[in-house]
């Protein structure tokens, strides 16, 4: 069933907020850390690894990218360079766990 919006109502902000609120961020941070701890990967490569481990239902990069941005803002993950993505053929950022934070398990 479609919930009709009122004229001028910005439903994208509302749905984005609802979606963001439904994610267990601490768990996702742990999952990303476990993948990045000894690797240097792109957001898509991280998402593919998350999918292979059964953490997420599909290998979409949107499962990793928002959390990578948050982890970068916390100083836990950093961009170390760029490379051509094997999935898209476009240049993308490569991420690395920088080890500055003792552990992201503290966020639970």
N, C-alpha and C. Protein backbone atom coordinates (compact mmCIF):
# COMPACT_ATOMS: atom_id res chain seq x y z
N UNK A 1 0.84 -1.18 0.00
CA UNK A 1 0.00 0.00 0.00
C UNK A 1 0.89 1.25 0.00
N UNK A 2 0.57 2.21 -0.79
CA UNK A 2 1.34 3.45 -0.90
C UNK A 2 0.77 4.48 0.07
N UNK A 3 1.65 5.05 0.87
CA UNK A 3 1.27 6.17 1.72
C UNK A 3 1.52 7.44 0.92
N UNK A 4 0.49 8.10 0.50
CA UNK A 4 0.62 9.31 -0.32
C UNK A 4 1.20 10.45 0.50
N UNK A 5 2.09 11.20 -0.13
CA UNK A 5 2.71 12.33 0.54
C UNK A 5 1.91 13.59 0.29
N UNK A 6 2.07 14.54 1.18
CA UNK A 6 1.44 15.85 1.01
C UNK A 6 2.34 16.70 0.13
N UNK A 7 1.76 17.65 -0.55
CA UNK A 7 2.54 18.55 -1.40
C UNK A 7 3.57 19.28 -0.53
N UNK A 8 4.81 19.28 -0.99
CA UNK A 8 5.89 19.95 -0.27
C UNK A 8 6.57 19.10 0.78
N UNK A 9 6.04 17.93 1.04
CA UNK A 9 6.61 17.05 2.04
C UNK A 9 7.83 16.32 1.45
N UNK A 10 8.93 16.34 2.16
CA UNK A 10 10.15 15.71 1.68
C UNK A 10 10.26 14.30 2.24
N UNK A 11 9.62 13.36 1.57
CA UNK A 11 9.59 11.99 2.07
C UNK A 11 10.95 11.31 2.01
N UNK A 12 11.85 11.77 1.13
CA UNK A 12 13.16 11.12 1.04
C UNK A 12 13.94 11.28 2.34
N UNK A 13 13.82 12.42 3.00
CA UNK A 13 14.50 12.61 4.28
C UNK A 13 13.94 11.67 5.34
N UNK A 14 12.64 11.51 5.33
CA UNK A 14 11.97 10.66 6.30
C UNK A 14 12.36 9.20 6.08
N UNK A 15 12.30 8.72 4.84
CA UNK A 15 12.62 7.32 4.58
C UNK A 15 14.11 7.05 4.79
N UNK A 16 14.96 8.01 4.46
CA UNK A 16 16.39 7.85 4.69
C UNK A 16 16.67 7.72 6.18
N UNK A 17 16.00 8.54 6.97
CA UNK A 17 16.17 8.51 8.42
C UNK A 17 15.67 7.20 9.00
N UNK A 18 14.52 6.71 8.52
CA UNK A 18 13.98 5.44 8.99
C UNK A 18 14.94 4.30 8.66
N UNK A 19 15.46 4.30 7.47
CA UNK A 19 16.40 3.26 7.03
C UNK A 19 17.67 3.30 7.86
N UNK A 20 18.22 4.49 8.06
CA UNK A 20 19.44 4.66 8.84
C UNK A 20 19.24 4.19 10.27
N UNK A 21 18.07 4.46 10.82
CA UNK A 21 17.79 4.07 12.19
C UNK A 21 17.61 2.57 12.38
N UNK A 22 17.35 1.84 11.30
CA UNK A 22 17.11 0.41 11.41
C UNK A 22 18.40 -0.41 11.37
N UNK A 23 19.53 0.23 11.11
CA UNK A 23 20.81 -0.47 11.01
C UNK A 23 21.47 -0.56 12.38
N UNK A 24 21.96 -1.74 12.71
CA UNK A 24 22.75 -1.92 13.93
C UNK A 24 24.17 -1.49 13.58
N UNK A 25 24.48 -0.22 13.81
CA UNK A 25 25.76 0.33 13.38
C UNK A 25 26.94 -0.31 14.07
N UNK A 26 26.83 -0.58 15.35
CA UNK A 26 27.95 -1.20 16.08
C UNK A 26 28.30 -2.55 15.48
N UNK A 27 27.28 -3.33 15.16
CA UNK A 27 27.51 -4.63 14.54
C UNK A 27 28.17 -4.47 13.17
N UNK A 28 27.66 -3.52 12.39
CA UNK A 28 28.22 -3.29 11.04
C UNK A 28 29.67 -2.80 11.15
N UNK A 29 29.97 -1.96 12.13
CA UNK A 29 31.35 -1.51 12.33
C UNK A 29 32.26 -2.71 12.60
N UNK A 30 31.81 -3.63 13.47
CA UNK A 30 32.60 -4.82 13.79
C UNK A 30 32.83 -5.66 12.54
N UNK A 31 31.78 -5.81 11.73
CA UNK A 31 31.90 -6.61 10.52
C UNK A 31 32.91 -6.01 9.55
N UNK A 32 32.84 -4.70 9.39
CA UNK A 32 33.78 -4.03 8.49
C UNK A 32 35.20 -4.12 9.03
N UNK A 33 35.35 -3.93 10.33
CA UNK A 33 36.68 -4.04 10.93
C UNK A 33 37.24 -5.43 10.70
N UNK A 34 36.44 -6.47 10.89
CA UNK A 34 36.93 -7.83 10.73
C UNK A 34 37.40 -8.10 9.30
N UNK A 35 36.81 -7.42 8.35
CA UNK A 35 37.21 -7.59 6.94
C UNK A 35 38.43 -6.74 6.62
N UNK A 36 38.49 -5.54 7.19
CA UNK A 36 39.59 -4.62 6.85
C UNK A 36 40.85 -4.80 7.70
N UNK A 37 40.78 -5.57 8.77
CA UNK A 37 41.87 -5.62 9.73
C UNK A 37 43.23 -5.90 9.08
N UNK A 38 43.30 -6.73 8.09
CA UNK A 38 44.56 -7.03 7.40
C UNK A 38 44.45 -6.85 5.89
N UNK A 39 43.50 -6.02 5.45
CA UNK A 39 43.26 -5.83 4.02
C UNK A 39 43.14 -4.37 3.66
N UNK A 40 43.33 -4.09 2.40
CA UNK A 40 43.10 -2.76 1.83
C UNK A 40 42.12 -2.96 0.69
N UNK A 41 40.86 -2.51 0.90
CA UNK A 41 39.78 -2.82 -0.02
C UNK A 41 38.92 -1.61 -0.35
N UNK A 42 38.17 -1.72 -1.44
CA UNK A 42 37.20 -0.70 -1.81
C UNK A 42 35.89 -0.97 -1.08
N UNK A 43 34.98 -0.01 -1.11
CA UNK A 43 33.67 -0.19 -0.48
C UNK A 43 32.93 -1.38 -1.10
N UNK A 44 33.02 -1.54 -2.40
CA UNK A 44 32.36 -2.65 -3.08
C UNK A 44 32.99 -3.98 -2.68
N UNK A 45 34.32 -4.02 -2.62
CA UNK A 45 35.00 -5.25 -2.21
C UNK A 45 34.64 -5.63 -0.78
N UNK A 46 34.50 -4.64 0.08
CA UNK A 46 34.09 -4.89 1.46
C UNK A 46 32.68 -5.46 1.47
N UNK A 47 31.78 -4.86 0.68
CA UNK A 47 30.40 -5.33 0.61
C UNK A 47 30.34 -6.76 0.08
N UNK A 48 31.16 -7.08 -0.89
CA UNK A 48 31.20 -8.45 -1.42
C UNK A 48 31.66 -9.43 -0.34
N UNK A 49 32.67 -9.05 0.42
CA UNK A 49 33.15 -9.91 1.51
C UNK A 49 32.08 -10.06 2.58
N UNK A 50 31.37 -8.99 2.88
CA UNK A 50 30.29 -9.05 3.86
C UNK A 50 29.21 -10.03 3.40
N UNK A 51 28.92 -10.00 2.11
CA UNK A 51 27.93 -10.90 1.52
C UNK A 51 28.41 -12.36 1.61
N UNK A 52 29.68 -12.59 1.27
CA UNK A 52 30.24 -13.95 1.32
C UNK A 52 30.19 -14.52 2.74
N UNK A 53 30.36 -13.65 3.74
CA UNK A 53 30.34 -14.10 5.14
C UNK A 53 28.92 -14.20 5.69
N UNK A 54 27.93 -13.81 4.88
CA UNK A 54 26.54 -13.89 5.32
C UNK A 54 26.08 -12.75 6.18
N UNK A 55 26.86 -11.65 6.21
CA UNK A 55 26.49 -10.50 7.03
C UNK A 55 25.35 -9.69 6.42
N UNK A 56 25.28 -9.68 5.09
CA UNK A 56 24.28 -8.88 4.38
C UNK A 56 23.62 -9.72 3.30
N UNK A 57 22.39 -9.36 2.87
CA UNK A 57 21.66 -10.20 1.91
C UNK A 57 22.13 -10.08 0.46
N UNK A 58 22.80 -8.99 0.10
CA UNK A 58 23.30 -8.81 -1.26
C UNK A 58 24.66 -8.13 -1.20
N UNK A 59 25.45 -8.20 -2.28
CA UNK A 59 26.77 -7.56 -2.26
C UNK A 59 26.77 -6.08 -2.67
N UNK A 60 25.68 -5.38 -2.42
CA UNK A 60 25.61 -3.96 -2.77
C UNK A 60 26.57 -3.14 -1.90
N UNK A 61 27.24 -2.19 -2.51
CA UNK A 61 28.19 -1.35 -1.79
C UNK A 61 27.51 -0.47 -0.74
N UNK A 62 26.21 -0.26 -0.87
CA UNK A 62 25.48 0.57 0.09
C UNK A 62 25.44 -0.05 1.49
N UNK A 63 25.79 -1.32 1.61
CA UNK A 63 25.87 -1.92 2.93
C UNK A 63 27.15 -1.50 3.65
N UNK A 64 28.18 -1.11 2.91
CA UNK A 64 29.44 -0.74 3.55
C UNK A 64 29.74 0.76 3.49
N UNK A 65 29.38 1.40 2.42
CA UNK A 65 29.78 2.78 2.19
C UNK A 65 29.37 3.77 3.29
N UNK A 66 28.12 3.79 3.72
CA UNK A 66 27.76 4.76 4.78
C UNK A 66 28.54 4.54 6.06
N UNK A 67 28.75 3.27 6.42
CA UNK A 67 29.50 2.98 7.65
C UNK A 67 30.98 3.32 7.49
N UNK A 68 31.53 3.15 6.29
CA UNK A 68 32.92 3.55 6.05
C UNK A 68 33.10 5.04 6.26
N UNK A 69 32.14 5.83 5.78
CA UNK A 69 32.21 7.28 5.99
C UNK A 69 32.20 7.61 7.47
N UNK A 70 31.35 6.94 8.23
CA UNK A 70 31.29 7.18 9.67
C UNK A 70 32.59 6.75 10.35
N UNK A 71 33.12 5.60 9.96
CA UNK A 71 34.38 5.13 10.53
C UNK A 71 35.54 6.06 10.17
N UNK A 72 35.50 6.65 8.99
CA UNK A 72 36.52 7.64 8.62
C UNK A 72 36.41 8.87 9.50
N UNK A 73 35.19 9.33 9.74
CA UNK A 73 34.98 10.50 10.60
C UNK A 73 35.44 10.24 12.03
N UNK A 74 35.40 8.98 12.46
CA UNK A 74 35.86 8.61 13.80
C UNK A 74 37.37 8.39 13.85
N UNK A 75 38.01 8.38 12.69
CA UNK A 75 39.45 8.18 12.64
C UNK A 75 39.87 6.72 12.70
N UNK A 76 38.96 5.81 12.45
CA UNK A 76 39.25 4.38 12.55
C UNK A 76 39.67 3.80 11.21
N UNK A 77 39.11 4.34 10.14
CA UNK A 77 39.40 3.89 8.78
C UNK A 77 39.92 5.08 8.00
N UNK A 78 40.82 4.83 7.07
CA UNK A 78 41.32 5.92 6.24
C UNK A 78 41.40 5.48 4.78
N UNK A 79 41.32 6.45 3.89
CA UNK A 79 41.51 6.20 2.47
C UNK A 79 43.00 6.27 2.21
N UNK A 80 43.53 5.21 1.60
CA UNK A 80 44.97 5.16 1.36
C UNK A 80 45.33 5.36 -0.11
N UNK A 81 44.32 5.43 -0.96
CA UNK A 81 44.57 5.62 -2.38
C UNK A 81 43.34 5.33 -3.19
N UNK A 82 43.55 5.07 -4.47
CA UNK A 82 42.44 4.73 -5.35
C UNK A 82 42.90 3.71 -6.37
N UNK A 83 41.92 3.02 -6.94
CA UNK A 83 42.20 2.04 -7.98
C UNK A 83 40.96 1.86 -8.83
N UNK A 84 41.12 1.17 -9.95
CA UNK A 84 39.98 0.88 -10.82
C UNK A 84 39.22 -0.30 -10.22
N UNK A 85 37.94 -0.11 -10.00
CA UNK A 85 37.09 -1.14 -9.42
C UNK A 85 36.88 -2.27 -10.42
N UNK A 86 37.08 -3.50 -9.98
CA UNK A 86 36.91 -4.64 -10.85
C UNK A 86 35.44 -4.87 -11.21
N UNK A 87 34.52 -4.31 -10.44
CA UNK A 87 33.09 -4.50 -10.69
C UNK A 87 32.49 -3.42 -11.58
N UNK A 88 32.94 -2.16 -11.43
CA UNK A 88 32.35 -1.04 -12.17
C UNK A 88 33.26 -0.48 -13.25
N UNK A 89 34.56 -0.72 -13.13
CA UNK A 89 35.51 -0.16 -14.08
C UNK A 89 35.82 1.31 -13.81
N UNK A 90 35.35 1.84 -12.70
CA UNK A 90 35.59 3.24 -12.35
C UNK A 90 36.64 3.33 -11.24
N UNK A 91 37.32 4.49 -11.17
CA UNK A 91 38.28 4.70 -10.09
C UNK A 91 37.53 4.94 -8.79
N UNK A 92 37.95 4.22 -7.77
CA UNK A 92 37.29 4.30 -6.47
C UNK A 92 38.33 4.34 -5.35
N UNK A 93 37.90 4.73 -4.17
CA UNK A 93 38.78 4.82 -3.01
C UNK A 93 39.09 3.43 -2.46
N UNK A 94 40.29 3.32 -1.90
CA UNK A 94 40.71 2.10 -1.21
C UNK A 94 40.85 2.44 0.27
N UNK A 95 40.25 1.61 1.12
CA UNK A 95 40.19 1.85 2.55
C UNK A 95 41.11 0.91 3.31
N UNK A 96 41.56 1.40 4.47
CA UNK A 96 42.41 0.61 5.34
C UNK A 96 42.04 0.91 6.79
N UNK A 97 42.02 -0.12 7.60
CA UNK A 97 41.85 0.04 9.05
C UNK A 97 43.17 0.60 9.56
N UNK A 98 43.14 1.75 10.23
CA UNK A 98 44.41 2.39 10.58
C UNK A 98 44.90 2.05 11.98
N UNK A 99 44.12 1.35 12.77
CA UNK A 99 44.58 0.90 14.07
C UNK A 99 44.73 1.98 15.12
N UNK A 100 44.38 3.23 14.82
CA UNK A 100 44.51 4.31 15.81
C UNK A 100 43.56 4.10 16.98
N UNK A 101 42.37 3.63 16.71
CA UNK A 101 41.40 3.32 17.75
C UNK A 101 41.78 1.96 18.33
N UNK A 102 41.73 1.82 19.63
CA UNK A 102 42.11 0.53 20.21
C UNK A 102 41.23 -0.59 19.68
N UNK A 103 39.94 -0.37 19.65
CA UNK A 103 39.00 -1.33 19.09
C UNK A 103 37.67 -0.65 18.88
N UNK A 104 36.99 -1.00 17.81
CA UNK A 104 35.68 -0.42 17.60
C UNK A 104 34.61 -1.21 18.34
N UNK A 105 35.00 -2.26 19.04
CA UNK A 105 34.05 -2.98 19.86
C UNK A 105 33.56 -2.11 21.02
N UNK A 106 34.29 -1.02 21.30
CA UNK A 106 33.89 -0.08 22.35
C UNK A 106 32.59 0.63 22.00
N UNK A 107 32.18 0.61 20.73
CA UNK A 107 30.98 1.33 20.32
C UNK A 107 29.71 0.54 20.57
N UNK A 108 29.82 -0.65 21.09
CA UNK A 108 28.64 -1.50 21.30
C UNK A 108 27.93 -1.08 22.57
